[in-house]
Amino acid sequence: MEKTLNRIHPVSDPEATYFLQVSWEKDLGTGFGLLLSDCQWAWTGTVSEADISREAADIEMDREKYVEELRKALIAQEESAGRYNFVIS
């Protein structure tokens, strides 16, 4: 299993710091787990392969392109720094 851990500052609360851990087996396209923490609370969730396919179809985006955008937003911090905004609600 591979994992990444990134620090994020959501645009909804720029003074706050959250940590986002993403874990996956083969690649993000087969599904992944999420753990979000503000160092006081933690929230977890999973995204299935079916969820990914449904989301890509809902926004009418090629599935492979959608998975690549997920990778950039959730994992590849250096190449996407400043490109993605996170809102915590």
C-alpha atoms as a PDB file:
ATOM      1  CA  MET A   1       0.000   0.000   0.000  1.00  0.00           C
ATOM      2  CA  GLU A   2       1.252   3.463  -0.856  1.00  0.00           C
ATOM      3  CA  LYS A   3       0.512   6.553   1.204  1.00  0.00           C
ATOM      4  CA  THR A   4       1.105  10.265   0.974  1.00  0.00           C
ATOM      5  CA  LEU A   5       0.692  12.911   3.624  1.00  0.00           C
ATOM      6  CA  ASN A   6       0.221  16.554   2.676  1.00  0.00           C
ATOM      7  CA  ARG A   7      -0.388  19.718   4.620  1.00  0.00           C
ATOM      8  CA  ILE A   8      -3.266  21.777   3.258  1.00  0.00           C
ATOM      9  CA  HIS A   9      -4.577  25.236   4.073  1.00  0.00           C
ATOM     10  CA  PRO A  10      -8.213  25.407   2.946  1.00  0.00           C
ATOM     11  CA  VAL A  11      -9.436  28.570   1.251  1.00  0.00           C
ATOM     12  CA  SER A  12     -12.473  28.372   3.535  1.00  0.00           C
ATOM     13  CA  ASP A  13     -10.149  28.966   6.542  1.00  0.00           C
ATOM     14  CA  PRO A  14      -6.651  29.990   5.357  1.00  0.00           C
ATOM     15  CA  GLU A  15      -5.289  30.262   8.912  1.00  0.00           C
ATOM     16  CA  ALA A  16      -6.103  26.602   9.609  1.00  0.00           C
ATOM     17  CA  THR A  17      -3.757  23.734   8.869  1.00  0.00           C
ATOM     18  CA  TYR A  18      -5.013  20.274   7.975  1.00  0.00           C
ATOM     19  CA  PHE A  19      -3.168  17.108   7.127  1.00  0.00           C
ATOM     20  CA  LEU A  20      -4.482  14.893   4.347  1.00  0.00           C
ATOM     21  CA  GLN A  21      -3.329  11.307   4.054  1.00  0.00           C
ATOM     22  CA  VAL A  22      -4.240   9.382   0.916  1.00  0.00           C
ATOM     23  CA  SER A  23      -3.638   5.629   0.697  1.00  0.00           C
ATOM     24  CA  TRP A  24      -4.089   3.338  -2.291  1.00  0.00           C
ATOM     25  CA  GLU A  25      -3.148  -0.143  -3.505  1.00  0.00           C
ATOM     26  CA  LYS A  26      -2.463  -0.103  -7.270  1.00  0.00           C
ATOM     27  CA  ASP A  27      -3.371   3.403  -8.395  1.00  0.00           C
ATOM     28  CA  LEU A  28      -5.965   5.996  -7.497  1.00  0.00           C
ATOM     29  CA  GLY A  29      -8.269   4.674 -10.222  1.00  0.00           C
ATOM     30  CA  THR A  30      -8.891   1.489  -8.237  1.00  0.00           C
ATOM     31  CA  GLY A  31     -10.051   3.470  -5.217  1.00  0.00           C
ATOM     32  CA  PHE A  32      -8.347   5.039  -2.229  1.00  0.00           C
ATOM     33  CA  GLY A  33      -8.710   5.900   1.425  1.00  0.00           C
ATOM     34  CA  LEU A  34      -8.609   9.370   2.949  1.00  0.00           C
ATOM     35  CA  LEU A  35      -7.741  10.581   6.415  1.00  0.00           C
ATOM     36  CA  LEU A  36      -8.110  14.290   7.165  1.00  0.00           C
ATOM     37  CA  SER A  37      -6.960  15.750  10.476  1.00  0.00           C
ATOM     38  CA  ASP A  38      -6.676  19.169  12.068  1.00  0.00           C
ATOM     39  CA  CYS A  39      -4.541  17.639  14.878  1.00  0.00           C
ATOM     40  CA  GLN A  40      -7.567  17.677  17.194  1.00  0.00           C
ATOM     41  CA  TRP A  41     -10.068  15.720  15.157  1.00  0.00           C
ATOM     42  CA  ALA A  42      -9.720  13.191  12.357  1.00  0.00           C
ATOM     43  CA  TRP A  43     -12.116  12.119   9.632  1.00  0.00           C
ATOM     44  CA  THR A  44     -11.775   9.074   7.393  1.00  0.00           C
ATOM     45  CA  GLY A  45     -13.424   7.904   4.228  1.00  0.00           C
ATOM     46  CA  THR A  46     -13.013   5.692   1.216  1.00  0.00           C
ATOM     47  CA  VAL A  47     -13.560   6.305  -2.464  1.00  0.00           C
ATOM     48  CA  SER A  48     -14.309   3.200  -4.515  1.00  0.00           C
ATOM     49  CA  GLU A  49     -13.520   2.521  -8.148  1.00  0.00           C
ATOM     50  CA  ALA A  50     -17.257   2.816  -8.853  1.00  0.00           C
ATOM     51  CA  ASP A  51     -17.342   6.224  -7.106  1.00  0.00           C
ATOM     52  CA  ILE A  52     -14.521   7.446  -9.344  1.00  0.00           C
ATOM     53  CA  SER A  53     -16.253   6.237 -12.502  1.00  0.00           C
ATOM     54  CA  ARG A  54     -19.542   7.835 -11.427  1.00  0.00           C
ATOM     55  CA  GLU A  55     -17.921  11.184 -10.594  1.00  0.00           C
ATOM     56  CA  ALA A  56     -16.063  11.266 -13.916  1.00  0.00           C
ATOM     57  CA  ALA A  57     -19.292  10.508 -15.779  1.00  0.00           C
ATOM     58  CA  ASP A  58     -21.225  13.123 -13.772  1.00  0.00           C
ATOM     59  CA  ILE A  59     -18.846  15.873 -14.854  1.00  0.00           C
ATOM     60  CA  GLU A  60     -18.509  14.409 -18.349  1.00  0.00           C
ATOM     61  CA  MET A  61     -14.755  13.943 -18.078  1.00  0.00           C
ATOM     62  CA  ASP A  62     -12.735  11.054 -19.455  1.00  0.00           C
ATOM     63  CA  ARG A  63     -12.127   8.658 -16.542  1.00  0.00           C
ATOM     64  CA  GLU A  64      -8.348   8.539 -17.046  1.00  0.00           C
ATOM     65  CA  LYS A  65      -8.187  12.334 -17.128  1.00  0.00           C
ATOM     66  CA  TYR A  66     -10.285  12.479 -13.949  1.00  0.00           C
ATOM     67  CA  VAL A  67      -7.929  10.054 -12.175  1.00  0.00           C
ATOM     68  CA  GLU A  68      -4.951  12.160 -13.283  1.00  0.00           C
ATOM     69  CA  GLU A  69      -6.599  15.306 -11.868  1.00  0.00           C
ATOM     70  CA  LEU A  70      -7.262  13.457  -8.597  1.00  0.00           C
ATOM     71  CA  ARG A  71      -3.595  12.468  -8.454  1.00  0.00           C
ATOM     72  CA  LYS A  72      -2.491  16.058  -8.992  1.00  0.00           C
ATOM     73  CA  ALA A  73      -4.918  17.459  -6.414  1.00  0.00           C
ATOM     74  CA  LEU A  74      -4.416  14.837  -3.708  1.00  0.00           C
ATOM     75  CA  ILE A  75      -0.891  13.499  -4.113  1.00  0.00           C
ATOM     76  CA  ALA A  76       1.451  15.502  -6.364  1.00  0.00           C
ATOM     77  CA  GLN A  77       1.911  18.608  -4.239  1.00  0.00           C
ATOM     78  CA  GLU A  78       5.041  20.006  -5.922  1.00  0.00           C
ATOM     79  CA  GLU A  79       3.682  19.956  -9.465  1.00  0.00           C
ATOM     80  CA  SER A  80       0.278  21.309  -8.442  1.00  0.00           C
ATOM     81  CA  ALA A  81       1.178  23.804  -5.725  1.00  0.00           C
ATOM     82  CA  GLY A  82      -1.253  26.704  -5.822  1.00  0.00           C
ATOM     83  CA  ARG A  83      -3.365  25.085  -8.535  1.00  0.00           C
ATOM     84  CA  TYR A  84      -6.006  23.411  -6.367  1.00  0.00           C
ATOM     85  CA  ASN A  85      -8.125  24.929  -3.613  1.00  0.00           C
ATOM     86  CA  PHE A  86      -9.612  22.973  -0.744  1.00  0.00           C
ATOM     87  CA  VAL A  87     -12.777  23.891   1.112  1.00  0.00           C
ATOM     88  CA  ILE A  88     -13.501  22.185   4.423  1.00  0.00           C
ATOM     89  CA  SER A  89     -17.151  21.999   5.453  1.00  0.00           C
END
